């Protein structure tokens, strides 16, 4: 019997139940030495630091994080201790891309890109690559900067030209979307990648989106920039120091959208992360039963009057509702804000992704007879182009 301890916020755990697997769930921040003392495998999310302090002397032989980022995991210690480890890179990439698209539609920046504006992408991992692919299908101009990945590809004799733009070139774009990991050391640190000097270059016609890691932007410097003249428009899903955050940022009108680190929090993304970790667990314990169907329940969209991209995306995701719920935290006292931040994430109403949704009959008629499950031809409407771009880029 394999004893699995998992964060209670993971999706799809009940479907994994089998005679050879015992699953116990607890809140991520409540996972402690007592909890792991009776576990062979541990699955966490970003709120649980996994270090020697937690696991030394425990029976845990496998750690999985249902996230792409691994800053909360001491991978060096795990390797030295002979504990297998796996993350879930790419599982939430489409969810984050749809978050970015929602931000573009709500702020009006989508129109800039449709009219020939440029989209700058920092970080060309799973999210950055998918965003660039969708943007390309939509006909937008993109500029990509990922120096470490470009250098790595060159060392392997591969072409890294697609991601060799400088940070200055990206910061000159109409929209800048950040998707880098958080690195404090090495030749290309991303900690405070955008500080006072970089933020000073941005102007009011530009939109800056951070859906990567909070400390990629110096939040104190961002406050100063938003207080100065002609600030850029900003969308923040991640915050330096979260679950606490720089509440003063909410005072500025230029902060167009503010959300509590939920860009990747779709039901589809979190289900996929669970399945990825289960597949890795089965490599270690082959006697475990095969996983359930990865597709889950289909999400069929139906309705009338869908004639633009914003209306279509809103069938799945209302980024303005996430913004409204988050801004309510401003009225809380310091200590209560951090707890409320965590509660928003824990109780998040999981959305479905447009890319993994099917169009019902009425929507197919509205968007054109060639749309729908067969996805034939091309649509001239903005809604049709968005739907096609997301599906073609999967």
Protein backbone atom coordinates (compact mmCIF):
# COMPACT_ATOMS: atom_id res chain seq x y z
CA UNK A 1 0.00 0.00 0.00
CA UNK A 2 1.41 3.38 -1.10
CA UNK A 3 0.53 6.19 1.31
CA UNK A 4 0.11 9.49 -0.56
CA UNK A 5 -0.20 12.80 1.29
CA UNK A 6 -1.49 15.58 -0.97
CA UNK A 7 -2.48 19.22 -0.83
CA UNK A 8 -6.27 19.31 -0.52
CA UNK A 9 -6.52 21.87 -3.32
CA UNK A 10 -5.35 19.45 -5.99
CA UNK A 11 -7.98 18.44 -8.56
CA UNK A 12 -8.86 14.88 -9.54
CA UNK A 13 -7.41 13.04 -6.55
CA UNK A 14 -10.56 11.03 -5.86
CA UNK A 15 -10.41 9.49 -9.34
CA UNK A 16 -6.99 8.00 -8.54
CA UNK A 17 -8.27 5.87 -5.68
CA UNK A 18 -7.23 2.22 -6.07
CA UNK A 19 -6.53 -0.79 -3.81
CA UNK A 20 -2.80 -0.04 -3.88
CA UNK A 21 -3.01 3.68 -3.10
CA UNK A 22 -4.14 5.38 0.09
CA UNK A 23 -4.72 9.12 -0.38
CA UNK A 24 -4.85 11.57 2.50
CA UNK A 25 -5.33 15.32 1.95
CA UNK A 26 -4.55 18.32 4.15
CA UNK A 27 -4.26 22.06 3.65
CA UNK A 28 -0.98 22.96 1.96
CA UNK A 29 0.20 25.26 4.74
CA UNK A 30 -0.67 22.58 7.32
CA UNK A 31 1.71 19.98 5.90
CA UNK A 32 4.28 19.43 8.66
CA UNK A 33 6.65 16.79 10.01
CA UNK A 34 3.83 14.99 11.78
CA UNK A 35 1.81 14.78 8.57
CA UNK A 36 4.67 13.39 6.44
CA UNK A 37 5.67 10.84 9.11
CA UNK A 38 3.00 8.54 7.69
CA UNK A 39 3.50 9.13 3.98
CA UNK A 40 5.49 7.40 1.25
CA UNK A 41 4.79 10.12 -1.31
CA UNK A 42 4.08 13.83 -0.95
CA UNK A 43 2.28 16.05 -3.46
CA UNK A 44 2.30 19.80 -2.82
CA UNK A 45 1.54 23.13 -4.39
CA UNK A 46 3.54 26.35 -4.13
CA UNK A 47 2.48 27.18 -0.55
CA UNK A 48 4.38 24.22 0.97
CA UNK A 49 8.17 24.58 1.32
CA UNK A 50 9.78 21.16 0.90
CA UNK A 51 13.14 21.08 2.67
CA UNK A 52 15.15 18.94 5.05
CA UNK A 53 13.27 20.57 7.93
CA UNK A 54 10.08 18.96 6.63
CA UNK A 55 11.26 15.59 5.33
CA UNK A 56 14.45 14.53 7.13
CA UNK A 57 13.84 11.15 8.77
CA UNK A 58 10.44 10.68 7.09
CA UNK A 59 9.46 7.66 4.92
CA UNK A 60 8.73 9.91 1.93
CA UNK A 61 10.48 8.60 -1.19
CA UNK A 62 8.74 10.73 -3.84
CA UNK A 63 7.86 14.42 -3.89
CA UNK A 64 5.72 15.98 -6.58
CA UNK A 65 4.65 19.58 -6.99
CA UNK A 66 1.57 20.33 -9.04
CA UNK A 67 3.22 23.53 -10.28
CA UNK A 68 5.66 24.52 -12.98
CA UNK A 69 7.81 26.59 -10.61
CA UNK A 70 10.02 24.83 -8.07
CA UNK A 71 11.31 27.69 -5.90
CA UNK A 72 9.61 26.12 -2.87
CA UNK A 73 11.46 22.81 -3.35
CA UNK A 74 15.01 22.08 -2.14
CA UNK A 75 15.86 19.89 -5.11
CA UNK A 76 19.53 19.62 -4.12
CA UNK A 77 18.62 18.11 -0.75
CA UNK A 78 16.08 15.75 -2.33
CA UNK A 79 18.69 14.41 -4.77
CA UNK A 80 21.28 13.98 -2.02
CA UNK A 81 18.68 12.12 0.06
CA UNK A 82 17.67 9.77 -2.76
CA UNK A 83 14.12 11.14 -2.90
CA UNK A 84 12.58 11.19 -6.38
CA UNK A 85 11.06 14.48 -7.51
CA UNK A 86 8.78 15.73 -10.26
CA UNK A 87 7.15 19.04 -11.11
CA UNK A 88 4.31 19.61 -13.57
CA UNK A 89 5.78 21.95 -16.19
CA UNK A 90 3.41 22.96 -18.94
CA UNK A 91 0.26 21.76 -17.21
CA UNK A 92 -1.01 25.30 -16.63
CA UNK A 93 0.50 26.96 -19.71
CA UNK A 94 -2.76 27.35 -21.59
CA UNK A 95 -4.58 28.61 -18.49
CA UNK A 96 -1.98 31.36 -18.06
CA UNK A 97 -2.20 32.25 -21.76
CA UNK A 98 -5.96 32.58 -21.51
CA UNK A 99 -5.46 34.81 -18.45
CA UNK A 100 -3.16 37.05 -20.52
CA UNK A 101 -5.68 37.11 -23.38
CA UNK A 102 -8.41 38.03 -20.91
CA UNK A 103 -6.27 40.90 -19.63
CA UNK A 104 -5.65 42.11 -23.18
CA UNK A 105 -9.37 42.08 -23.94
CA UNK A 106 -10.42 43.79 -20.69
CA UNK A 107 -7.82 46.56 -20.92
CA UNK A 108 -8.26 47.24 -24.64
CA UNK A 109 -4.67 46.27 -25.47
CA UNK A 110 -6.00 43.55 -27.77
CA UNK A 111 -7.01 46.27 -30.23
CA UNK A 112 -3.46 47.67 -30.20
CA UNK A 113 -2.07 44.30 -31.22
CA UNK A 114 -4.75 43.82 -33.87
CA UNK A 115 -3.76 47.18 -35.34
CA UNK A 116 -0.09 46.26 -35.67
CA UNK A 117 1.21 46.77 -32.14
CA UNK A 118 3.92 44.55 -30.71
CA UNK A 119 3.83 41.92 -27.96
CA UNK A 120 7.03 41.49 -25.95
CA UNK A 121 7.48 38.19 -24.10
CA UNK A 122 10.09 37.67 -21.40
CA UNK A 123 10.66 33.96 -20.83
CA UNK A 124 10.23 31.30 -23.49
CA UNK A 125 9.30 28.28 -21.41
CA UNK A 126 6.00 26.45 -21.68
CA UNK A 127 3.88 29.57 -21.16
CA UNK A 128 5.99 31.91 -23.26
CA UNK A 129 6.11 29.48 -26.16
CA UNK A 130 2.37 28.89 -26.08
CA UNK A 131 1.62 32.61 -25.87
CA UNK A 132 3.91 33.25 -28.84
CA UNK A 133 2.24 30.45 -30.81
CA UNK A 134 -1.26 31.81 -30.17
CA UNK A 135 -0.11 35.36 -30.98
CA UNK A 136 1.38 34.12 -34.24
CA UNK A 137 -1.90 32.43 -35.20
CA UNK A 138 -3.66 35.73 -34.50
CA UNK A 139 -1.20 37.59 -36.72
CA UNK A 140 0.41 39.67 -33.97
CA UNK A 141 4.02 40.86 -33.97
CA UNK A 142 6.05 39.31 -31.17
CA UNK A 143 9.47 40.01 -29.65
CA UNK A 144 10.88 37.32 -27.34
CA UNK A 145 13.72 37.51 -24.82
CA UNK A 146 15.10 34.45 -23.02
CA UNK A 147 18.92 34.75 -22.88
CA UNK A 148 19.58 31.55 -20.87
CA UNK A 149 17.44 29.41 -23.16
CA UNK A 150 19.00 30.98 -26.25
CA UNK A 151 22.49 30.25 -24.89
CA UNK A 152 21.52 26.69 -24.03
CA UNK A 153 20.23 26.07 -27.53
CA UNK A 154 23.37 27.51 -29.10
CA UNK A 155 25.50 25.19 -26.96
CA UNK A 156 23.54 22.24 -28.36
CA UNK A 157 24.05 23.50 -31.89
CA UNK A 158 20.41 24.60 -32.20
CA UNK A 159 18.95 27.89 -33.38
CA UNK A 160 18.22 30.33 -30.55
CA UNK A 161 17.52 33.39 -32.69
CA UNK A 162 13.77 33.36 -31.93
CA UNK A 163 14.39 34.36 -28.32
CA UNK A 164 17.51 36.52 -28.51
CA UNK A 165 15.89 39.96 -28.23
CA UNK A 166 17.31 42.16 -25.51
CA UNK A 167 15.28 43.25 -22.53
CA UNK A 168 15.38 46.80 -23.90
CA UNK A 169 13.77 45.61 -27.15
CA UNK A 170 10.99 43.89 -25.22
CA UNK A 171 10.42 46.97 -23.06
CA UNK A 172 9.86 49.00 -26.21
CA UNK A 173 6.82 46.88 -27.15
CA UNK A 174 3.22 47.99 -26.72
CA UNK A 175 2.48 45.00 -24.46
CA UNK A 176 5.09 43.34 -22.22
CA UNK A 177 4.18 39.96 -20.73
CA UNK A 178 6.51 38.40 -18.15
CA UNK A 179 6.80 34.59 -17.99
CA UNK A 180 10.26 33.95 -16.56
CA UNK A 181 11.19 31.76 -13.62
CA UNK A 182 12.64 33.43 -10.54
CA UNK A 183 16.44 33.19 -10.44
CA UNK A 184 18.44 35.10 -7.86
CA UNK A 185 21.90 33.96 -8.92
CA UNK A 186 23.78 32.89 -12.01
CA UNK A 187 24.58 34.81 -15.18
CA UNK A 188 20.93 35.75 -15.84
CA UNK A 189 19.18 36.55 -12.56
CA UNK A 190 15.51 37.48 -12.90
CA UNK A 191 15.03 38.77 -9.35
CA UNK A 192 13.98 42.44 -9.73
CA UNK A 193 14.54 42.11 -13.47
CA UNK A 194 12.36 45.19 -13.77
CA UNK A 195 13.59 47.76 -11.27
CA UNK A 196 13.54 51.54 -11.21
CA UNK A 197 15.67 51.94 -14.34
CA UNK A 198 13.63 49.52 -16.45
CA UNK A 199 10.24 50.76 -15.23
CA UNK A 200 11.25 54.35 -15.98
CA UNK A 201 11.40 53.40 -19.68
CA UNK A 202 7.71 52.48 -19.82
CA UNK A 203 5.04 54.94 -20.95
CA UNK A 204 1.27 55.30 -20.59
CA UNK A 205 0.41 53.64 -23.92
CA UNK A 206 2.10 50.40 -22.82
CA UNK A 207 0.66 47.49 -20.85
CA UNK A 208 2.85 45.47 -18.47
CA UNK A 209 1.59 42.02 -17.41
CA UNK A 210 3.25 39.91 -14.74
CA UNK A 211 1.94 36.34 -14.49
CA UNK A 212 5.29 34.77 -13.63
CA UNK A 213 6.79 35.46 -10.18
CA UNK A 214 6.12 38.51 -8.03
CA UNK A 215 9.76 39.41 -7.38
CA UNK A 216 10.56 39.63 -11.10
CA UNK A 217 9.28 43.20 -10.66
CA UNK A 218 10.59 45.33 -7.80
CA UNK A 219 7.18 46.15 -6.29
CA UNK A 220 8.46 49.15 -4.33
CA UNK A 221 9.93 50.59 -7.54
CA UNK A 222 6.65 49.86 -9.31
CA UNK A 223 4.79 51.90 -6.70
CA UNK A 224 7.12 54.82 -7.35
CA UNK A 225 6.66 54.50 -11.11
CA UNK A 226 2.87 54.41 -10.88
CA UNK A 227 2.98 57.51 -8.67
CA UNK A 228 5.05 59.38 -11.27
CA UNK A 229 3.83 60.95 -14.50
CA UNK A 230 2.49 58.96 -17.49
CA UNK A 231 2.76 55.52 -15.89
CA UNK A 232 2.24 52.33 -17.90
CA UNK A 233 -0.92 50.30 -17.52
CA UNK A 234 -0.27 47.23 -15.34
CA UNK A 235 -1.79 43.80 -14.75
CA UNK A 236 -0.49 41.83 -11.77
CA UNK A 237 -1.32 38.25 -10.89
CA UNK A 238 1.80 37.74 -8.76
CA UNK A 239 3.15 39.85 -5.93
CA UNK A 240 6.44 40.26 -4.15
CA UNK A 241 6.17 38.80 -0.65
CA UNK A 242 2.84 37.03 -1.19
CA UNK A 243 0.61 36.02 0.50
CA UNK A 244 1.23 39.50 1.86
CA UNK A 245 1.54 42.11 -0.87
CA UNK A 246 2.20 45.80 -1.40
CA UNK A 247 -1.34 47.02 -0.82
CA UNK A 248 -0.40 50.56 -1.91
CA UNK A 249 -0.34 49.31 -5.49
CA UNK A 250 -4.14 49.09 -5.36
CA UNK A 251 -4.30 52.87 -4.94
CA UNK A 252 -3.26 53.51 -8.53
CA UNK A 253 -5.67 53.67 -11.46
CA UNK A 254 -2.88 52.44 -13.73
CA UNK A 255 -3.12 49.03 -12.02
CA UNK A 256 -5.87 47.87 -14.33
CA UNK A 257 -6.23 44.27 -13.13
CA UNK A 258 -5.09 42.71 -9.85
CA UNK A 259 -5.53 39.01 -9.02
CA UNK A 260 -4.18 36.64 -6.32
CA UNK A 261 -1.80 34.35 -8.25
CA UNK A 262 -4.56 32.43 -10.00
CA UNK A 263 -3.61 32.81 -13.68
CA UNK A 264 -2.93 29.08 -13.94
CA UNK A 265 -5.84 28.03 -11.71
CA UNK A 266 -8.14 26.43 -14.24
CA UNK A 267 -9.78 23.09 -13.58
CA UNK A 268 -8.19 21.70 -16.74
CA UNK A 269 -4.69 22.80 -15.71
CA UNK A 270 -4.90 21.44 -12.20
CA UNK A 271 -6.38 18.15 -13.37
CA UNK A 272 -3.54 17.80 -15.88
CA UNK A 273 -0.96 18.48 -13.15
CA UNK A 274 -2.44 15.71 -11.02
CA UNK A 275 -2.29 13.26 -13.92
CA UNK A 276 1.33 14.19 -14.67
CA UNK A 277 2.35 13.49 -11.08
CA UNK A 278 0.40 10.23 -11.06
CA UNK A 279 2.18 9.08 -14.20
CA UNK A 280 5.52 9.73 -12.49
CA UNK A 281 4.35 7.90 -9.36
CA UNK A 282 3.46 4.87 -11.48
CA UNK A 283 7.01 4.83 -12.85
CA UNK A 284 8.19 4.28 -9.29
CA UNK A 285 5.33 1.96 -8.35
CA UNK A 286 4.30 0.10 -11.54
CA UNK A 287 1.62 -1.94 -9.77
CA UNK A 288 -0.61 1.10 -9.42
CA UNK A 289 -3.63 1.05 -11.71
CA UNK A 290 -3.76 3.05 -14.93
CA UNK A 291 -4.92 6.69 -14.58
CA UNK A 292 -8.46 7.74 -15.51
CA UNK A 293 -9.35 9.38 -18.80
CA UNK A 294 -7.40 12.65 -19.01
CA UNK A 295 -10.26 14.39 -20.78
CA UNK A 296 -12.65 14.48 -17.85
CA UNK A 297 -16.09 16.00 -18.31
CA UNK A 298 -16.36 17.95 -21.58
CA UNK A 299 -17.07 21.65 -21.30
CA UNK A 300 -19.62 22.55 -23.97
CA UNK A 301 -20.28 26.26 -24.50
CA UNK A 302 -23.61 27.42 -25.81
CA UNK A 303 -25.39 30.73 -26.11
CA UNK A 304 -26.34 33.54 -28.45
CA UNK A 305 -24.91 36.88 -29.48
CA UNK A 306 -21.25 35.91 -29.29
CA UNK A 307 -19.72 38.16 -31.90
CA UNK A 308 -16.40 39.21 -30.43
CA UNK A 309 -13.40 37.62 -28.73
CA UNK A 310 -14.08 39.19 -25.34
CA UNK A 311 -17.60 37.77 -25.19
CA UNK A 312 -16.40 34.32 -26.21
CA UNK A 313 -13.60 34.18 -23.64
CA UNK A 314 -15.98 35.43 -20.96
CA UNK A 315 -18.06 32.28 -21.50
CA UNK A 316 -15.21 30.51 -19.68
CA UNK A 317 -13.39 33.18 -17.73
CA UNK A 318 -14.29 36.52 -16.14
CA UNK A 319 -10.98 38.13 -15.22
CA UNK A 320 -12.89 41.21 -14.04
CA UNK A 321 -14.55 39.10 -11.32
CA UNK A 322 -11.14 37.91 -10.09
CA UNK A 323 -10.02 41.54 -9.98
CA UNK A 324 -13.11 42.60 -8.03
CA UNK A 325 -12.66 39.88 -5.40
CA UNK A 326 -8.99 40.68 -4.96
CA UNK A 327 -9.48 44.45 -4.52
CA UNK A 328 -11.80 43.77 -1.58
CA UNK A 329 -8.66 42.77 0.36
CA UNK A 330 -7.57 46.40 0.44
CA UNK A 331 -9.99 47.12 3.29
CA UNK A 332 -8.44 44.48 5.54
CA UNK A 333 -5.74 44.93 8.15
CA UNK A 334 -2.17 43.77 7.50
CA UNK A 335 -2.37 40.29 9.03
CA UNK A 336 -5.85 39.59 7.70
CA UNK A 337 -4.85 40.44 4.13
CA UNK A 338 -2.35 37.59 3.87
CA UNK A 339 -4.88 35.10 5.22
CA UNK A 340 -7.52 36.41 2.81
CA UNK A 341 -5.04 36.15 -0.09
CA UNK A 342 -4.56 32.46 0.68
CA UNK A 343 -8.29 31.97 1.11
CA UNK A 344 -9.01 33.44 -2.34
CA UNK A 345 -6.67 30.86 -3.83
CA UNK A 346 -7.95 27.97 -1.72
CA UNK A 347 -11.61 28.73 -2.47
CA UNK A 348 -11.04 29.78 -6.07
CA UNK A 349 -14.01 28.87 -8.33
CA UNK A 350 -12.11 26.77 -10.85
CA UNK A 351 -12.72 27.94 -14.38
CA UNK A 352 -12.64 25.85 -17.53
CA UNK A 353 -10.35 26.68 -20.46
CA UNK A 354 -11.62 27.88 -23.81
CA UNK A 355 -8.96 25.84 -25.57
CA UNK A 356 -10.38 22.62 -24.09
CA UNK A 357 -14.03 23.55 -24.61
CA UNK A 358 -16.39 22.54 -27.37
CA UNK A 359 -18.82 24.94 -29.02
CA UNK A 360 -22.51 24.06 -28.77
CA UNK A 361 -24.94 24.36 -31.65
CA UNK A 362 -26.02 27.98 -31.17
CA UNK A 363 -22.45 29.22 -30.73
CA UNK A 364 -21.38 27.28 -33.83
CA UNK A 365 -24.12 29.05 -35.78
CA UNK A 366 -23.05 32.46 -34.45
CA UNK A 367 -19.35 31.93 -35.16
CA UNK A 368 -19.88 30.24 -38.51
CA UNK A 369 -20.90 26.81 -39.74
CA UNK A 370 -17.28 25.74 -40.16
CA UNK A 371 -16.56 26.07 -36.43
CA UNK A 372 -17.15 23.41 -33.79
CA UNK A 373 -15.63 20.04 -33.07
CA UNK A 374 -14.42 19.45 -36.65
CA UNK A 375 -12.84 22.93 -36.77
CA UNK A 376 -12.80 23.20 -40.53
CA UNK A 377 -11.76 26.30 -42.41
CA UNK A 378 -11.08 29.70 -40.89
CA UNK A 379 -13.37 32.26 -39.34
CA UNK A 380 -13.14 35.96 -40.06
CA UNK A 381 -14.62 37.09 -36.73
CA UNK A 382 -12.42 37.97 -33.76
CA UNK A 383 -14.19 35.31 -31.71
CA UNK A 384 -13.63 32.67 -34.36
CA UNK A 385 -9.99 33.62 -34.80
CA UNK A 386 -9.40 33.37 -31.04
CA UNK A 387 -11.06 29.96 -30.82
CA UNK A 388 -9.09 28.66 -33.79
CA UNK A 389 -5.79 30.11 -32.52
CA UNK A 390 -6.14 28.43 -29.13
CA UNK A 391 -7.06 25.05 -30.59
CA UNK A 392 -4.50 25.10 -33.38
CA UNK A 393 -1.71 25.90 -30.91
CA UNK A 394 -2.43 23.06 -28.45
